[in-house]
Structure formats: C-alpha cells, structure tokens
C-alpha cells in the first residue's frame, strides 16, 4: 500500500472525513483551514476559510450539499460545498469539539467544551436544504447539558433514534434523540480516562471508541454493552471500523512531551489493524512522524486515510492482498 501524501496543512490534523460517495476527503487541523481532496489522486480540490481558531471537527451531509465544522473560535459553521461559501454561523460560549450530521442529514449535532464556568453541552440544529442554503434556523431544536462529565465526542445511532456521547471520565451515554432524555450510561473505559474518538459502523447499530487507557471498544448502540475489546500499547486517539472486511483500524501515540527517540523507533506512530471478531492485531502501517489523531475509512472499504500530529494526511488504497486475506482460515490452520 503505497500512500498518497496530502500536504495542505501547517499544523496537526484533528479530523478527516470521507463524503458518502467516497470520492472526496475533507480534513481539518489547528491551522484554521478546511481542505477538500479528491480521493482518486490526492489532488486538492479547494479550501474553506473563515474560522478564527483551530478547527476540531468536520462532517459532510449525505447529499454532499453542506459541510459543517466546529472550532476553537466558539463557532459552528455551515458551508456550501460547491461554492465554498459560509452560509451559516452559530456562536457558542466555548469551543466546539465535534460536529456530525444525522443519518438522513436533516439534523446536525455539536458538542461544546466545558470551560470558564460553562458546562459542556450537546446541541442539535434542524438543517434545511433547497435553493437558499442560508435559510437556516437560528435556534437549536435540542440542547443536552452534560452535568456529570463533559462529553468529548458524540454521534447518531441507527435511524437517528439515539444520540451516543463519550465522556472525559471513560463513560458512554445514550440519549433520546427527540427529547434529550438520558436513557442510560455505562463505564466503558477505565474510570477517569478520556474517550478521544467515537465512530459508528455503516449501519450505526454499534460503534467503536478509542481511549487514553490504550484500548478501543466496540459497543452496542442499543444497550451500550461492550461487544469487543482491543488492547494496544499506546494511548489511542482514534478508531474506525472497515466495511467489507472484519477489521478495525486504531491510531494514537504518546503525547509530544512523553515521546523519546526510543519510543519513536518502537513504532508508536503506526496505524494498527485488528481483526474485529477475534480481537487479534494483524498488522501495522507506518509513515507518520507523530501520533495519529484521526483515521477514516472509505465508505466502500477500498481505502483509508490517517491524519497525524505531523500535519500530514496519508491516503492508502488497499491492494489485492488486503481483500484476499483470509484471516479465519489462517487462524484455524495455526490452531491445528
């Protein structure tokens, strides 16, 4: 897998996202710029400029019309994907750490930071499409206040029935997406170890979390039961589930202050592939010169991309050997 190196950011990557068709990739970093890339060749399609602080999160609507971003300038911005125009800005008292469109694209959630006397919140806006994309609601349709522990990330479950949030204390919470009622909360990672990422399966019936406790968990969206546990040797910043093949991809690495030349040589900055069913590590992909902050997988499962603290996005197209790999057969042969 020879990667395409995407050089468009000057600072560390925070999140990357494929669109639903998989032909475009969007990346955000601490340098205030959103980049759009063609996944076929890595060519940069354009940029979206307007934020005044580090951009923490990005997502694209299922119909490819709108792009949402959340940033340290305490704002969520909505962009016309085609023209690059900012069509709406929502202001908040604190930074916005995650944005995500609902499965049907008709709603957008945003996770705000707990800071300066403000509690962390999850807010939901109704999204309107049509000829005039600037015609958006000024007020949120739902607001959830996280009183116990601040939410670090959040996403939508199957059929947009629940909002699932992951928290700083290692817990995961299920909320009613219509009323905002707290339905249940489970301690998924070690107590008081933050969950850094949460990504859903293609059908949104389960999701994967990545924690600072060096583990990733697959959790049921229905009852928050832990289905699988993946153990790494470094704190994890991101995790993704691959379509087609039964794999998950984990990324992370030690914080810059903890990194030594020894740990760098030991390969702490690799993308780790695990078998989704058997929980075994099956391979690693090198390349980044710092911790991996974000990983995303092509909707058809034909490629994946990673973004690192080094400011680079690496786009990997899976080769034939990846699709031919019969892990179950090899595992049985080993047992015999």
C-alpha atoms as a PDB file:
ATOM      1  CA  UNK A   1       0.000   0.000   0.000  1.00  0.00           C
ATOM      2  CA  UNK A   2       1.992   2.970  -1.219  1.00  0.00           C
ATOM      3  CA  UNK A   3       0.270   6.028   0.254  1.00  0.00           C
ATOM      4  CA  UNK A   4      -0.545   9.370  -1.313  1.00  0.00           C
ATOM      5  CA  UNK A   5       0.817  12.112   0.936  1.00  0.00           C
ATOM      6  CA  UNK A   6      -1.551  15.082   1.215  1.00  0.00           C
ATOM      7  CA  UNK A   7       0.272  18.282   2.167  1.00  0.00           C
ATOM      8  CA  UNK A   8      -2.193  21.069   2.802  1.00  0.00           C
ATOM      9  CA  UNK A   9      -1.968  21.838   6.497  1.00  0.00           C
ATOM     10  CA  UNK A  10       0.667  23.645   8.524  1.00  0.00           C
ATOM     11  CA  UNK A  11      -0.299  22.196  11.898  1.00  0.00           C
ATOM     12  CA  UNK A  12      -1.548  18.989  13.497  1.00  0.00           C
ATOM     13  CA  UNK A  13      -4.586  17.249  11.977  1.00  0.00           C
ATOM     14  CA  UNK A  14      -7.716  16.978  14.130  1.00  0.00           C
ATOM     15  CA  UNK A  15     -10.224  15.112  11.946  1.00  0.00           C
ATOM     16  CA  UNK A  16     -10.676  13.733   8.428  1.00  0.00           C
ATOM     17  CA  UNK A  17     -13.945  12.643   6.791  1.00  0.00           C
ATOM     18  CA  UNK A  18     -14.932  10.947   3.541  1.00  0.00           C
ATOM     19  CA  UNK A  19     -18.160  12.008   1.881  1.00  0.00           C
ATOM     20  CA  UNK A  20     -20.857   9.362   1.403  1.00  0.00           C
ATOM     21  CA  UNK A  21     -19.717   8.550  -2.151  1.00  0.00           C
ATOM     22  CA  UNK A  22     -16.087   8.301  -1.088  1.00  0.00           C
ATOM     23  CA  UNK A  23     -14.764  10.473  -3.920  1.00  0.00           C
ATOM     24  CA  UNK A  24     -13.918  13.400  -1.630  1.00  0.00           C
ATOM     25  CA  UNK A  25     -11.995  13.668   1.628  1.00  0.00           C
ATOM     26  CA  UNK A  26     -12.191  16.647   3.997  1.00  0.00           C
ATOM     27  CA  UNK A  27      -9.520  17.450   6.581  1.00  0.00           C
ATOM     28  CA  UNK A  28      -9.257  19.965   9.412  1.00  0.00           C
ATOM     29  CA  UNK A  29      -6.372  20.928  11.646  1.00  0.00           C
ATOM     30  CA  UNK A  30      -5.191  23.530  14.111  1.00  0.00           C
ATOM     31  CA  UNK A  31      -4.353  25.933  11.251  1.00  0.00           C
ATOM     32  CA  UNK A  32      -7.920  27.320  10.772  1.00  0.00           C
ATOM     33  CA  UNK A  33      -8.352  25.884   7.242  1.00  0.00           C
ATOM     34  CA  UNK A  34     -10.614  23.109   5.888  1.00  0.00           C
ATOM     35  CA  UNK A  35      -9.125  21.242   2.922  1.00  0.00           C
ATOM     36  CA  UNK A  36     -11.070  19.218   0.349  1.00  0.00           C
ATOM     37  CA  UNK A  37      -9.257  16.476  -1.611  1.00  0.00           C
ATOM     38  CA  UNK A  38     -10.026  14.092  -4.461  1.00  0.00           C
ATOM     39  CA  UNK A  39      -9.517  10.569  -3.131  1.00  0.00           C
ATOM     40  CA  UNK A  40      -8.665   9.170  -6.575  1.00  0.00           C
ATOM     41  CA  UNK A  41      -5.363  11.030  -6.885  1.00  0.00           C
ATOM     42  CA  UNK A  42      -4.921  13.184  -3.758  1.00  0.00           C
ATOM     43  CA  UNK A  43      -5.345  16.450  -5.647  1.00  0.00           C
ATOM     44  CA  UNK A  44      -6.571  19.323  -3.520  1.00  0.00           C
ATOM     45  CA  UNK A  45      -9.977  20.495  -4.709  1.00  0.00           C
ATOM     46  CA  UNK A  46     -10.050  23.646  -2.591  1.00  0.00           C
ATOM     47  CA  UNK A  47     -10.186  25.178   0.879  1.00  0.00           C
ATOM     48  CA  UNK A  48     -12.841  26.696   3.119  1.00  0.00           C
ATOM     49  CA  UNK A  49     -11.576  29.710   5.081  1.00  0.00           C
ATOM     50  CA  UNK A  50     -13.380  31.680   7.749  1.00  0.00           C
ATOM     51  CA  UNK A  51     -12.685  30.205  11.191  1.00  0.00           C
ATOM     52  CA  UNK A  52     -10.534  32.235  13.574  1.00  0.00           C
ATOM     53  CA  UNK A  53      -9.220  29.323  15.622  1.00  0.00           C
ATOM     54  CA  UNK A  54      -8.133  25.693  15.439  1.00  0.00           C
ATOM     55  CA  UNK A  55     -10.799  23.568  13.739  1.00  0.00           C
ATOM     56  CA  UNK A  56     -11.598  20.474  15.773  1.00  0.00           C
ATOM     57  CA  UNK A  57     -14.224  18.688  13.697  1.00  0.00           C
ATOM     58  CA  UNK A  58     -15.763  18.424  10.235  1.00  0.00           C
ATOM     59  CA  UNK A  59     -18.613  16.486   8.619  1.00  0.00           C
ATOM     60  CA  UNK A  60     -20.394  16.479   5.262  1.00  0.00           C
ATOM     61  CA  UNK A  61     -24.116  15.982   4.682  1.00  0.00           C
ATOM     62  CA  UNK A  62     -25.250  12.742   2.997  1.00  0.00           C
ATOM     63  CA  UNK A  63     -26.346  14.643  -0.139  1.00  0.00           C
ATOM     64  CA  UNK A  64     -22.941  16.399  -0.438  1.00  0.00           C
ATOM     65  CA  UNK A  65     -24.545  19.855  -0.305  1.00  0.00           C
ATOM     66  CA  UNK A  66     -23.405  21.089   3.092  1.00  0.00           C
ATOM     67  CA  UNK A  67     -20.230  20.914   5.119  1.00  0.00           C
ATOM     68  CA  UNK A  68     -20.212  21.542   8.879  1.00  0.00           C
ATOM     69  CA  UNK A  69     -17.213  22.495  11.001  1.00  0.00           C
ATOM     70  CA  UNK A  70     -16.665  23.146  14.702  1.00  0.00           C
ATOM     71  CA  UNK A  71     -13.747  25.160  16.019  1.00  0.00           C
ATOM     72  CA  UNK A  72     -11.907  26.796  18.909  1.00  0.00           C
ATOM     73  CA  UNK A  73     -13.358  30.175  17.898  1.00  0.00           C
ATOM     74  CA  UNK A  74     -16.571  29.004  19.628  1.00  0.00           C
ATOM     75  CA  UNK A  75     -18.465  28.582  16.368  1.00  0.00           C
ATOM     76  CA  UNK A  76     -20.119  26.020  14.145  1.00  0.00           C
ATOM     77  CA  UNK A  77     -20.026  26.998  10.500  1.00  0.00           C
ATOM     78  CA  UNK A  78     -22.119  25.592   7.684  1.00  0.00           C
ATOM     79  CA  UNK A  79     -20.605  25.723   4.193  1.00  0.00           C
ATOM     80  CA  UNK A  80     -21.921  25.336   0.662  1.00  0.00           C
ATOM     81  CA  UNK A  81     -19.686  22.501  -0.535  1.00  0.00           C
ATOM     82  CA  UNK A  82     -19.857  23.522  -4.183  1.00  0.00           C
ATOM     83  CA  UNK A  83     -19.086  27.237  -3.847  1.00  0.00           C
ATOM     84  CA  UNK A  84     -17.090  27.274  -0.600  1.00  0.00           C
ATOM     85  CA  UNK A  85     -19.365  29.990   0.811  1.00  0.00           C
ATOM     86  CA  UNK A  86     -20.134  30.039   4.542  1.00  0.00           C
ATOM     87  CA  UNK A  87     -23.937  30.010   4.655  1.00  0.00           C
ATOM     88  CA  UNK A  88     -24.476  29.979   8.441  1.00  0.00           C
ATOM     89  CA  UNK A  89     -22.573  30.542  11.684  1.00  0.00           C
ATOM     90  CA  UNK A  90     -23.786  29.519  15.135  1.00  0.00           C
ATOM     91  CA  UNK A  91     -21.935  31.086  18.091  1.00  0.00           C
ATOM     92  CA  UNK A  92     -21.308  29.417  21.461  1.00  0.00           C
ATOM     93  CA  UNK A  93     -19.695  30.432  24.766  1.00  0.00           C
ATOM     94  CA  UNK A  94     -16.977  27.775  24.418  1.00  0.00           C
ATOM     95  CA  UNK A  95     -15.138  25.759  21.765  1.00  0.00           C
ATOM     96  CA  UNK A  96     -16.934  23.175  19.607  1.00  0.00           C
ATOM     97  CA  UNK A  97     -15.160  19.801  19.695  1.00  0.00           C
ATOM     98  CA  UNK A  98     -17.347  17.630  17.426  1.00  0.00           C
ATOM     99  CA  UNK A  99     -19.984  18.056  14.714  1.00  0.00           C
ATOM    100  CA  UNK A 100     -21.939  15.294  12.969  1.00  0.00           C
ATOM    101  CA  UNK A 101     -24.897  15.151  10.591  1.00  0.00           C
ATOM    102  CA  UNK A 102     -27.709  12.718  11.335  1.00  0.00           C
ATOM    103  CA  UNK A 103     -28.161   9.685   9.082  1.00  0.00           C
ATOM    104  CA  UNK A 104     -30.768  11.483   6.948  1.00  0.00           C
ATOM    105  CA  UNK A 105     -28.836  14.770   7.012  1.00  0.00           C
ATOM    106  CA  UNK A 106     -31.779  16.724   8.423  1.00  0.00           C
ATOM    107  CA  UNK A 107     -30.121  17.423  11.761  1.00  0.00           C
ATOM    108  CA  UNK A 108     -26.678  18.459  12.939  1.00  0.00           C
ATOM    109  CA  UNK A 109     -25.275  17.906  16.414  1.00  0.00           C
ATOM    110  CA  UNK A 110     -22.446  19.862  18.014  1.00  0.00           C
ATOM    111  CA  UNK A 111     -20.502  19.099  21.194  1.00  0.00           C
ATOM    112  CA  UNK A 112     -19.321  22.145  23.154  1.00  0.00           C
ATOM    113  CA  UNK A 113     -16.449  22.319  25.616  1.00  0.00           C
ATOM    114  CA  UNK A 114     -16.791  22.629  29.385  1.00  0.00           C
ATOM    115  CA  UNK A 115     -14.873  25.771  30.292  1.00  0.00           C
ATOM    116  CA  UNK A 116     -14.969  29.183  32.008  1.00  0.00           C
ATOM    117  CA  UNK A 117     -17.933  28.285  34.184  1.00  0.00           C
ATOM    118  CA  UNK A 118     -19.953  26.798  31.307  1.00  0.00           C
ATOM    119  CA  UNK A 119     -20.996  23.151  31.346  1.00  0.00           C
ATOM    120  CA  UNK A 120     -20.368  21.048  28.257  1.00  0.00           C
ATOM    121  CA  UNK A 121     -23.424  20.599  26.027  1.00  0.00           C
ATOM    122  CA  UNK A 122     -24.714  18.694  23.023  1.00  0.00           C
ATOM    123  CA  UNK A 123     -26.890  20.871  20.801  1.00  0.00           C
ATOM    124  CA  UNK A 124     -28.920  19.818  17.751  1.00  0.00           C
ATOM    125  CA  UNK A 125     -29.978  22.051  14.853  1.00  0.00           C
ATOM    126  CA  UNK A 126     -32.546  21.300  12.173  1.00  0.00           C
ATOM    127  CA  UNK A 127     -30.970  21.631   8.731  1.00  0.00           C
ATOM    128  CA  UNK A 128     -32.805  22.984   5.700  1.00  0.00           C
ATOM    129  CA  UNK A 129     -31.921  22.284   2.091  1.00  0.00           C
ATOM    130  CA  UNK A 130     -33.122  23.968  -1.070  1.00  0.00           C
ATOM    131  CA  UNK A 131     -32.181  26.840  -3.344  1.00  0.00           C
ATOM    132  CA  UNK A 132     -31.283  29.139  -0.444  1.00  0.00           C
ATOM    133  CA  UNK A 133     -28.875  27.308   1.867  1.00  0.00           C
ATOM    134  CA  UNK A 134     -28.560  30.416   4.058  1.00  0.00           C
ATOM    135  CA  UNK A 135     -32.139  29.861   5.264  1.00  0.00           C
ATOM    136  CA  UNK A 136     -31.176  28.021   8.461  1.00  0.00           C
ATOM    137  CA  UNK A 137     -32.698  28.113  11.941  1.00  0.00           C
ATOM    138  CA  UNK A 138     -31.076  30.481  14.438  1.00  0.00           C
ATOM    139  CA  UNK A 139     -32.114  28.456  17.488  1.00  0.00           C
ATOM    140  CA  UNK A 140     -31.283  24.856  18.325  1.00  0.00           C
ATOM    141  CA  UNK A 141     -34.074  22.268  18.393  1.00  0.00           C
ATOM    142  CA  UNK A 142     -32.500  20.296  21.259  1.00  0.00           C
ATOM    143  CA  UNK A 143     -29.954  21.037  23.977  1.00  0.00           C
ATOM    144  CA  UNK A 144     -28.467  18.455  26.314  1.00  0.00           C
ATOM    145  CA  UNK A 145     -26.357  19.585  29.273  1.00  0.00           C
ATOM    146  CA  UNK A 146     -23.672  17.142  30.422  1.00  0.00           C
ATOM    147  CA  UNK A 147     -23.643  17.687  34.174  1.00  0.00           C
ATOM    148  CA  UNK A 148     -21.752  14.585  35.349  1.00  0.00           C
ATOM    149  CA  UNK A 149     -18.791  14.546  32.978  1.00  0.00           C
ATOM    150  CA  UNK A 150     -18.174  16.597  29.876  1.00  0.00           C
ATOM    151  CA  UNK A 151     -18.777  14.945  26.508  1.00  0.00           C
ATOM    152  CA  UNK A 152     -15.651  14.712  24.365  1.00  0.00           C
ATOM    153  CA  UNK A 153     -17.356  13.298  21.240  1.00  0.00           C
ATOM    154  CA  UNK A 154     -20.861  12.282  20.157  1.00  0.00           C
ATOM    155  CA  UNK A 155     -22.706  10.738  17.218  1.00  0.00           C
ATOM    156  CA  UNK A 156     -26.032   9.387  15.979  1.00  0.00           C
ATOM    157  CA  UNK A 157     -27.259   5.801  16.276  1.00  0.00           C
ATOM    158  CA  UNK A 158     -29.289   3.744  13.777  1.00  0.00           C
ATOM    159  CA  UNK A 159     -32.376   5.528  12.389  1.00  0.00           C
ATOM    160  CA  UNK A 160     -31.268   8.613  14.384  1.00  0.00           C
ATOM    161  CA  UNK A 161     -33.036   7.080  17.386  1.00  0.00           C
ATOM    162  CA  UNK A 162     -30.331   7.884  19.945  1.00  0.00           C
ATOM    163  CA  UNK A 163     -27.508  10.323  20.422  1.00  0.00           C
ATOM    164  CA  UNK A 164     -24.471   8.498  21.792  1.00  0.00           C
ATOM    165  CA  UNK A 165     -21.903  10.569  23.672  1.00  0.00           C
ATOM    166  CA  UNK A 166     -18.487   9.585  25.025  1.00  0.00           C
ATOM    167  CA  UNK A 167     -17.084  11.349  28.053  1.00  0.00           C
ATOM    168  CA  UNK A 168     -13.966  12.502  29.826  1.00  0.00           C
ATOM    169  CA  UNK A 169     -14.489  10.016  32.665  1.00  0.00           C
ATOM    170  CA  UNK A 170     -14.445   6.968  30.345  1.00  0.00           C
ATOM    171  CA  UNK A 171     -18.223   6.520  30.211  1.00  0.00           C
ATOM    172  CA  UNK A 172     -20.625   6.351  27.260  1.00  0.00           C
ATOM    173  CA  UNK A 173     -24.168   7.747  27.448  1.00  0.00           C
ATOM    174  CA  UNK A 174     -27.287   7.092  25.390  1.00  0.00           C
ATOM    175  CA  UNK A 175     -29.762   9.975  24.966  1.00  0.00           C
ATOM    176  CA  UNK A 176     -33.197  10.059  23.366  1.00  0.00           C
ATOM    177  CA  UNK A 177     -32.590  11.991  20.142  1.00  0.00           C
ATOM    178  CA  UNK A 178     -36.042  13.583  20.179  1.00  0.00           C
ATOM    179  CA  UNK A 179     -36.432  14.605  23.824  1.00  0.00           C
ATOM    180  CA  UNK A 180     -32.829  14.713  25.071  1.00  0.00           C
ATOM    181  CA  UNK A 181     -33.705  12.390  27.956  1.00  0.00           C
ATOM    182  CA  UNK A 182     -30.807  10.447  29.476  1.00  0.00           C
ATOM    183  CA  UNK A 183     -31.638   6.779  28.876  1.00  0.00           C
ATOM    184  CA  UNK A 184     -28.539   5.008  30.173  1.00  0.00           C
ATOM    185  CA  UNK A 185     -24.852   5.474  30.904  1.00  0.00           C
ATOM    186  CA  UNK A 186     -22.128   2.835  31.065  1.00  0.00           C
ATOM    187  CA  UNK A 187     -18.494   2.878  32.144  1.00  0.00           C
ATOM    188  CA  UNK A 188     -16.784   1.574  29.020  1.00  0.00           C
ATOM    189  CA  UNK A 189     -13.161   2.601  29.538  1.00  0.00           C
ATOM    190  CA  UNK A 190     -11.105   2.853  32.715  1.00  0.00           C
ATOM    191  CA  UNK A 191     -12.540   5.379  35.149  1.00  0.00           C
ATOM    192  CA  UNK A 192     -11.293   8.932  34.574  1.00  0.00           C
ATOM    193  CA  UNK A 193      -9.540   8.128  31.268  1.00  0.00           C
ATOM    194  CA  UNK A 194     -10.943  10.262  28.443  1.00  0.00           C
ATOM    195  CA  UNK A 195     -12.503   8.752  25.324  1.00  0.00           C
ATOM    196  CA  UNK A 196     -10.948  10.526  22.342  1.00  0.00           C
ATOM    197  CA  UNK A 197     -12.991   9.205  19.423  1.00  0.00           C
ATOM    198  CA  UNK A 198     -16.284   7.528  18.593  1.00  0.00           C
ATOM    199  CA  UNK A 199     -17.124   6.230  15.097  1.00  0.00           C
ATOM    200  CA  UNK A 200     -20.167   4.235  14.019  1.00  0.00           C
ATOM    201  CA  UNK A 201     -20.458   1.073  11.958  1.00  0.00           C
ATOM    202  CA  UNK A 202     -22.002   1.521   8.476  1.00  0.00           C
ATOM    203  CA  UNK A 203     -25.486   0.633   9.795  1.00  0.00           C
ATOM    204  CA  UNK A 204     -24.962   2.577  13.062  1.00  0.00           C
ATOM    205  CA  UNK A 205     -26.087  -0.351  15.236  1.00  0.00           C
ATOM    206  CA  UNK A 206     -22.711  -0.390  17.000  1.00  0.00           C
ATOM    207  CA  UNK A 207     -19.736   1.922  17.301  1.00  0.00           C
ATOM    208  CA  UNK A 208     -16.084   1.908  18.277  1.00  0.00           C
ATOM    209  CA  UNK A 209     -14.435   4.080  20.920  1.00  0.00           C
ATOM    210  CA  UNK A 210     -10.762   4.964  21.342  1.00  0.00           C
ATOM    211  CA  UNK A 211      -9.451   5.754  24.808  1.00  0.00           C
ATOM    212  CA  UNK A 212      -6.457   7.153  26.574  1.00  0.00           C
ATOM    213  CA  UNK A 213      -6.318   3.860  28.526  1.00  0.00           C
ATOM    214  CA  UNK A 214      -4.740   2.190  25.443  1.00  0.00           C
ATOM    215  CA  UNK A 215      -7.898   0.301  24.492  1.00  0.00           C
ATOM    216  CA  UNK A 216     -10.627   0.519  21.882  1.00  0.00           C
ATOM    217  CA  UNK A 217     -14.084  -0.986  22.417  1.00  0.00           C
ATOM    218  CA  UNK A 218     -16.916  -1.966  20.117  1.00  0.00           C
ATOM    219  CA  UNK A 219     -20.149  -1.055  21.867  1.00  0.00           C
ATOM    220  CA  UNK A 220     -23.785  -1.792  21.008  1.00  0.00           C
ATOM    221  CA  UNK A 221     -25.812   1.349  20.268  1.00  0.00           C
ATOM    222  CA  UNK A 222     -28.950  -0.378  21.583  1.00  0.00           C
ATOM    223  CA  UNK A 223     -27.892  -1.220  25.145  1.00  0.00           C
ATOM    224  CA  UNK A 224     -24.275   0.069  25.424  1.00  0.00           C
ATOM    225  CA  UNK A 225     -22.946  -3.429  26.062  1.00  0.00           C
ATOM    226  CA  UNK A 226     -19.267  -3.962  25.228  1.00  0.00           C
ATOM    227  CA  UNK A 227     -19.054  -6.389  22.310  1.00  0.00           C
ATOM    228  CA  UNK A 228     -15.296  -6.387  21.625  1.00  0.00           C
ATOM    229  CA  UNK A 229     -12.127  -5.114  23.298  1.00  0.00           C
ATOM    230  CA  UNK A 230      -8.879  -4.233  21.500  1.00  0.00           C
ATOM    231  CA  UNK A 231      -5.725  -3.675  23.539  1.00  0.00           C
ATOM    232  CA  UNK A 232      -2.892  -1.513  22.199  1.00  0.00           C
ATOM    233  CA  UNK A 233       0.492  -0.485  23.614  1.00  0.00           C
ATOM    234  CA  UNK A 234      -0.035   3.266  23.388  1.00  0.00           C
ATOM    235  CA  UNK A 235      -2.811   5.786  24.193  1.00  0.00           C
ATOM    236  CA  UNK A 236      -5.384   5.811  21.384  1.00  0.00           C
ATOM    237  CA  UNK A 237      -6.718   8.955  19.733  1.00  0.00           C
ATOM    238  CA  UNK A 238      -8.872   7.425  17.024  1.00  0.00           C
ATOM    239  CA  UNK A 239     -10.529   4.214  15.825  1.00  0.00           C
ATOM    240  CA  UNK A 240     -12.549   3.239  12.741  1.00  0.00           C
ATOM    241  CA  UNK A 241     -14.483   0.203  11.522  1.00  0.00           C
ATOM    242  CA  UNK A 242     -13.821  -1.063   7.993  1.00  0.00           C
ATOM    243  CA  UNK A 243     -16.689  -2.063   5.672  1.00  0.00           C
ATOM    244  CA  UNK A 244     -16.397  -5.340   3.665  1.00  0.00           C
ATOM    245  CA  UNK A 245     -13.618  -6.847   5.799  1.00  0.00           C
ATOM    246  CA  UNK A 246     -13.896  -7.633   9.511  1.00  0.00           C
ATOM    247  CA  UNK A 247     -11.179  -5.240  10.643  1.00  0.00           C
ATOM    248  CA  UNK A 248     -10.828  -2.152  12.781  1.00  0.00           C
ATOM    249  CA  UNK A 249      -8.077   0.463  12.471  1.00  0.00           C
ATOM    250  CA  UNK A 250      -6.648   2.122  15.587  1.00  0.00           C
ATOM    251  CA  UNK A 251      -4.376   5.137  15.753  1.00  0.00           C
ATOM    252  CA  UNK A 252      -2.627   7.002  18.524  1.00  0.00           C
ATOM    253  CA  UNK A 253       0.734   7.590  20.114  1.00  0.00           C
ATOM    254  CA  UNK A 254       2.211   9.250  23.141  1.00  0.00           C
ATOM    255  CA  UNK A 255       1.917  12.997  23.638  1.00  0.00           C
ATOM    256  CA  UNK A 256       4.873  15.015  22.387  1.00  0.00           C
ATOM    257  CA  UNK A 257       6.176  15.673  25.911  1.00  0.00           C
ATOM    258  CA  UNK A 258       6.361  11.914  26.571  1.00  0.00           C
ATOM    259  CA  UNK A 259       7.943  10.905  23.279  1.00  0.00           C
ATOM    260  CA  UNK A 260      11.549   9.768  23.167  1.00  0.00           C
ATOM    261  CA  UNK A 261      13.633   8.647  20.216  1.00  0.00           C
ATOM    262  CA  UNK A 262      13.320   5.117  21.586  1.00  0.00           C
ATOM    263  CA  UNK A 263       9.508   5.134  21.540  1.00  0.00           C
ATOM    264  CA  UNK A 264       9.530   6.610  18.033  1.00  0.00           C
ATOM    265  CA  UNK A 265      11.716   3.737  16.856  1.00  0.00           C
ATOM    266  CA  UNK A 266       9.411   1.250  18.527  1.00  0.00           C
ATOM    267  CA  UNK A 267       6.651   2.261  16.137  1.00  0.00           C
ATOM    268  CA  UNK A 268       4.230   4.068  18.401  1.00  0.00           C
ATOM    269  CA  UNK A 269       3.031   6.154  15.447  1.00  0.00           C
ATOM    270  CA  UNK A 270       1.613   3.340  13.313  1.00  0.00           C
ATOM    271  CA  UNK A 271      -1.934   2.603  12.217  1.00  0.00           C
ATOM    272  CA  UNK A 272      -2.857  -0.694  13.849  1.00  0.00           C
ATOM    273  CA  UNK A 273      -5.159  -3.214  12.177  1.00  0.00           C
ATOM    274  CA  UNK A 274      -7.094  -5.629  14.400  1.00  0.00           C
ATOM    275  CA  UNK A 275      -9.499  -8.403  13.492  1.00  0.00           C
ATOM    276  CA  UNK A 276     -12.959  -7.236  14.513  1.00  0.00           C
ATOM    277  CA  UNK A 277     -14.175 -10.673  15.626  1.00  0.00           C
ATOM    278  CA  UNK A 278     -11.077 -12.307  17.134  1.00  0.00           C
ATOM    279  CA  UNK A 279      -9.591  -9.079  18.596  1.00  0.00           C
ATOM    280  CA  UNK A 280      -6.091 -10.014  17.380  1.00  0.00           C
ATOM    281  CA  UNK A 281      -3.681  -7.475  15.932  1.00  0.00           C
ATOM    282  CA  UNK A 282      -2.942  -8.457  12.337  1.00  0.00           C
ATOM    283  CA  UNK A 283      -0.710  -5.683  11.041  1.00  0.00           C
ATOM    284  CA  UNK A 284       0.595  -2.141  11.232  1.00  0.00           C
ATOM    285  CA  UNK A 285       1.154   0.610   8.690  1.00  0.00           C
ATOM    286  CA  UNK A 286       3.964   3.086   9.284  1.00  0.00           C
ATOM    287  CA  UNK A 287       4.542   6.547   7.918  1.00  0.00           C
ATOM    288  CA  UNK A 288       3.615   9.311  10.351  1.00  0.00           C
ATOM    289  CA  UNK A 289       6.264  11.166  12.364  1.00  0.00           C
ATOM    290  CA  UNK A 290       3.958  11.868  15.285  1.00  0.00           C
ATOM    291  CA  UNK A 291       0.818  10.498  16.940  1.00  0.00           C
ATOM    292  CA  UNK A 292      -2.138   9.616  14.705  1.00  0.00           C
ATOM    293  CA  UNK A 293      -5.002  11.920  15.660  1.00  0.00           C
ATOM    294  CA  UNK A 294      -7.645  10.752  13.201  1.00  0.00           C
ATOM    295  CA  UNK A 295      -8.438   7.783  10.974  1.00  0.00           C
ATOM    296  CA  UNK A 296     -11.268   7.427   8.443  1.00  0.00           C
ATOM    297  CA  UNK A 297     -12.249   4.557   6.119  1.00  0.00           C
ATOM    298  CA  UNK A 298     -13.703   4.847   2.608  1.00  0.00           C
ATOM    299  CA  UNK A 299     -17.479   4.048   2.645  1.00  0.00           C
ATOM    300  CA  UNK A 300     -16.884   1.168   0.218  1.00  0.00           C
ATOM    301  CA  UNK A 301     -13.913  -0.105   2.221  1.00  0.00           C
ATOM    302  CA  UNK A 302     -11.407   0.339  -0.608  1.00  0.00           C
ATOM    303  CA  UNK A 303      -9.066   2.762   1.163  1.00  0.00           C
ATOM    304  CA  UNK A 304      -8.365   4.527   4.417  1.00  0.00           C
ATOM    305  CA  UNK A 305      -6.786   7.825   5.414  1.00  0.00           C
ATOM    306  CA  UNK A 306      -4.937   8.919   8.529  1.00  0.00           C
ATOM    307  CA  UNK A 307      -4.058  12.359   9.845  1.00  0.00           C
ATOM    308  CA  UNK A 308      -1.268  12.983  12.306  1.00  0.00           C
ATOM    309  CA  UNK A 309       0.346  15.427  14.654  1.00  0.00           C
ATOM    310  CA  UNK A 310       2.957  15.890  11.908  1.00  0.00           C
ATOM    311  CA  UNK A 311       0.452  17.839   9.768  1.00  0.00           C
ATOM    312  CA  UNK A 312       0.174  15.238   7.001  1.00  0.00           C
ATOM    313  CA  UNK A 313      -2.755  13.232   5.688  1.00  0.00           C
ATOM    314  CA  UNK A 314      -1.779   9.831   4.318  1.00  0.00           C
ATOM    315  CA  UNK A 315      -4.222   8.235   1.877  1.00  0.00           C
ATOM    316  CA  UNK A 316      -3.854   4.451   1.488  1.00  0.00           C
ATOM    317  CA  UNK A 317      -5.653   2.458  -1.214  1.00  0.00           C
ATOM    318  CA  UNK A 318      -5.973  -1.190  -0.182  1.00  0.00           C
ATOM    319  CA  UNK A 319      -4.279  -3.567  -2.612  1.00  0.00           C
ATOM    320  CA  UNK A 320      -5.426  -7.019  -3.746  1.00  0.00           C
ATOM    321  CA  UNK A 321      -3.699  -8.878  -0.913  1.00  0.00           C
ATOM    322  CA  UNK A 322      -5.838  -6.983   1.611  1.00  0.00           C
ATOM    323  CA  UNK A 323      -9.068  -8.266   0.057  1.00  0.00           C
ATOM    324  CA  UNK A 324      -7.651 -11.771  -0.465  1.00  0.00           C
ATOM    325  CA  UNK A 325      -6.530 -12.055   3.158  1.00  0.00           C
ATOM    326  CA  UNK A 326      -8.435 -14.969   4.750  1.00  0.00           C
ATOM    327  CA  UNK A 327      -7.658 -14.482   8.418  1.00  0.00           C
ATOM    328  CA  UNK A 328     -10.159 -17.063   9.664  1.00  0.00           C
ATOM    329  CA  UNK A 329      -8.573 -19.834   7.569  1.00  0.00           C
ATOM    330  CA  UNK A 330      -5.054 -18.909   8.668  1.00  0.00           C
ATOM    331  CA  UNK A 331      -6.131 -18.788  12.300  1.00  0.00           C
ATOM    332  CA  UNK A 332      -7.648 -22.290  12.118  1.00  0.00           C
ATOM    333  CA  UNK A 333      -4.504 -23.653  10.457  1.00  0.00           C
ATOM    334  CA  UNK A 334      -2.379 -22.140  13.210  1.00  0.00           C
ATOM    335  CA  UNK A 335      -4.544 -23.742  15.877  1.00  0.00           C
ATOM    336  CA  UNK A 336      -4.109 -27.169  14.276  1.00  0.00           C
END
